[in-house]
C-alpha cells in the first residue's frame, strides 16, 4: 500500500478531493489492470497500453 497527500484540490475518478486529502493505492493491483497493461499477469515489467 502506498499513500499520497494531495497538495491542491483535484479530481480523481470523478471525485472531488480537497487539498491535503490522504489517498492510498496498491501498486500491485494497479499493475494487474488489463485496461492499462497489455500483459497484466506477466512477471516482467508491465507495458503500458497506448491510447494515442
N, C-alpha and C. Protein backbone atom coordinates (compact mmCIF):
# COMPACT_ATOMS: atom_id res chain seq x y z
N UNK A 1 0.85 -1.16 0.00
CA UNK A 1 0.00 0.00 0.00
C UNK A 1 0.90 1.23 0.00
N UNK A 2 0.55 2.18 -0.83
CA UNK A 2 1.28 3.44 -0.94
C UNK A 2 0.29 4.56 -0.64
N UNK A 3 0.75 5.58 0.04
CA UNK A 3 -0.12 6.72 0.33
C UNK A 3 0.48 8.00 -0.23
N UNK A 4 -0.39 8.90 -0.57
CA UNK A 4 0.00 10.23 -1.04
C UNK A 4 -0.99 11.22 -0.44
N UNK A 5 -0.59 12.48 -0.38
CA UNK A 5 -1.46 13.55 0.10
C UNK A 5 -1.56 14.59 -1.01
N UNK A 6 -2.77 14.97 -1.37
CA UNK A 6 -2.94 15.99 -2.41
C UNK A 6 -2.42 17.33 -1.91
N UNK A 7 -1.80 18.07 -2.81
CA UNK A 7 -1.28 19.40 -2.44
C UNK A 7 -2.23 20.51 -2.85
N UNK A 8 -3.18 20.17 -3.71
CA UNK A 8 -4.17 21.14 -4.17
C UNK A 8 -5.47 20.38 -4.42
N UNK A 9 -6.57 21.10 -4.49
CA UNK A 9 -7.84 20.46 -4.82
C UNK A 9 -7.71 19.82 -6.19
N UNK A 10 -8.23 18.61 -6.34
CA UNK A 10 -8.13 17.89 -7.60
C UNK A 10 -9.33 16.97 -7.78
N UNK A 11 -9.44 16.37 -8.94
CA UNK A 11 -10.48 15.39 -9.21
C UNK A 11 -9.81 14.08 -9.59
N UNK A 12 -10.25 13.00 -8.99
CA UNK A 12 -9.71 11.67 -9.26
C UNK A 12 -10.88 10.72 -9.42
N UNK A 13 -10.96 10.09 -10.58
CA UNK A 13 -12.05 9.14 -10.88
C UNK A 13 -13.42 9.77 -10.67
N UNK A 14 -13.52 11.05 -11.01
CA UNK A 14 -14.79 11.73 -10.89
C UNK A 14 -15.13 12.25 -9.50
N UNK A 15 -14.23 12.06 -8.56
CA UNK A 15 -14.46 12.54 -7.18
C UNK A 15 -13.63 13.78 -6.91
N UNK A 16 -14.25 14.78 -6.31
CA UNK A 16 -13.53 16.00 -5.92
C UNK A 16 -12.78 15.73 -4.62
N UNK A 17 -11.48 15.99 -4.64
CA UNK A 17 -10.66 15.79 -3.45
C UNK A 17 -10.07 17.13 -3.03
N UNK A 18 -10.35 17.58 -1.81
CA UNK A 18 -9.76 18.83 -1.34
C UNK A 18 -8.25 18.69 -1.13
N UNK A 19 -7.56 19.80 -1.07
CA UNK A 19 -6.14 19.79 -0.75
C UNK A 19 -5.93 19.08 0.59
N UNK A 20 -4.80 18.42 0.73
CA UNK A 20 -4.40 17.70 1.94
C UNK A 20 -5.25 16.46 2.22
N UNK A 21 -5.83 15.88 1.15
CA UNK A 21 -6.56 14.62 1.28
C UNK A 21 -5.57 13.47 1.17
N UNK A 22 -5.65 12.52 2.07
CA UNK A 22 -4.79 11.33 2.02
C UNK A 22 -5.40 10.30 1.07
N UNK A 23 -4.57 9.77 0.17
CA UNK A 23 -5.01 8.78 -0.82
C UNK A 23 -4.13 7.56 -0.67
N UNK A 24 -4.74 6.38 -0.69
CA UNK A 24 -3.98 5.14 -0.62
C UNK A 24 -4.28 4.28 -1.84
N UNK A 25 -3.25 3.61 -2.37
CA UNK A 25 -3.46 2.71 -3.50
C UNK A 25 -2.46 1.56 -3.45
N UNK A 26 -2.78 0.51 -4.17
CA UNK A 26 -1.93 -0.66 -4.24
C UNK A 26 -1.26 -0.74 -5.61
N UNK A 27 0.06 -0.59 -5.69
CA UNK A 27 0.74 -0.72 -6.98
C UNK A 27 0.51 -2.10 -7.61
N UNK A 28 0.45 -3.14 -6.80
CA UNK A 28 0.23 -4.49 -7.33
C UNK A 28 -1.12 -4.58 -8.05
N UNK A 29 -2.17 -4.07 -7.41
CA UNK A 29 -3.48 -4.09 -8.06
C UNK A 29 -3.50 -3.22 -9.30
N UNK A 30 -2.88 -2.07 -9.23
CA UNK A 30 -2.82 -1.17 -10.37
C UNK A 30 -2.13 -1.83 -11.56
N UNK A 31 -1.03 -2.52 -11.31
CA UNK A 31 -0.26 -3.15 -12.39
C UNK A 31 -0.90 -4.41 -12.94
N UNK A 32 -1.99 -4.86 -12.36
CA UNK A 32 -2.70 -6.04 -12.87
C UNK A 32 -4.01 -5.68 -13.56
N UNK A 33 -4.16 -4.41 -13.92
CA UNK A 33 -5.39 -3.97 -14.63
C UNK A 33 -5.23 -4.18 -16.13
N UNK A 34 -6.04 -5.06 -16.72
CA UNK A 34 -5.92 -5.32 -18.16
C UNK A 34 -6.31 -4.12 -19.03
N UNK A 35 -7.05 -3.16 -18.48
CA UNK A 35 -7.37 -1.97 -19.27
C UNK A 35 -6.19 -1.01 -19.36
N UNK A 36 -5.16 -1.21 -18.54
CA UNK A 36 -3.98 -0.34 -18.56
C UNK A 36 -2.73 -1.03 -19.10
N UNK A 37 -2.63 -2.35 -18.93
CA UNK A 37 -1.42 -3.08 -19.31
C UNK A 37 -1.74 -4.21 -20.27
N UNK A 38 -0.90 -4.36 -21.31
CA UNK A 38 -1.13 -5.39 -22.32
C UNK A 38 -1.04 -6.80 -21.76
N UNK A 39 -0.11 -7.03 -20.86
CA UNK A 39 0.05 -8.35 -20.25
C UNK A 39 0.11 -8.19 -18.73
N UNK A 40 -1.03 -7.94 -18.10
CA UNK A 40 -1.03 -7.64 -16.67
C UNK A 40 -0.56 -8.79 -15.78
N UNK A 41 -0.64 -10.02 -16.25
CA UNK A 41 -0.21 -11.15 -15.42
C UNK A 41 1.23 -11.57 -15.69
N UNK A 42 1.93 -10.83 -16.58
CA UNK A 42 3.31 -11.14 -16.90
C UNK A 42 4.20 -10.86 -15.70
N UNK A 43 5.25 -11.63 -15.55
CA UNK A 43 6.20 -11.42 -14.45
C UNK A 43 7.28 -10.41 -14.82
N UNK A 44 7.29 -9.94 -16.07
CA UNK A 44 8.25 -8.93 -16.49
C UNK A 44 7.66 -7.55 -16.25
N UNK A 45 8.43 -6.52 -16.52
CA UNK A 45 7.94 -5.17 -16.34
C UNK A 45 6.71 -4.95 -17.21
N UNK A 46 5.67 -4.36 -16.65
CA UNK A 46 4.45 -4.17 -17.43
C UNK A 46 4.64 -3.17 -18.57
N UNK A 47 3.97 -3.41 -19.67
CA UNK A 47 3.96 -2.49 -20.79
C UNK A 47 2.65 -1.73 -20.75
N UNK A 48 2.74 -0.42 -20.69
CA UNK A 48 1.55 0.41 -20.61
C UNK A 48 0.90 0.47 -21.99
N UNK A 49 -0.40 0.28 -22.02
CA UNK A 49 -1.14 0.37 -23.29
C UNK A 49 -1.08 1.80 -23.82
N UNK A 50 -0.98 1.92 -25.12
CA UNK A 50 -1.00 3.22 -25.76
C UNK A 50 -2.44 3.56 -26.16
N UNK A 51 -2.91 4.72 -25.76
CA UNK A 51 -4.26 5.15 -26.10
C UNK A 51 -4.24 6.27 -27.13
N UNK A 52 -3.09 6.48 -27.76
CA UNK A 52 -2.96 7.56 -28.75
C UNK A 52 -3.69 7.23 -30.03
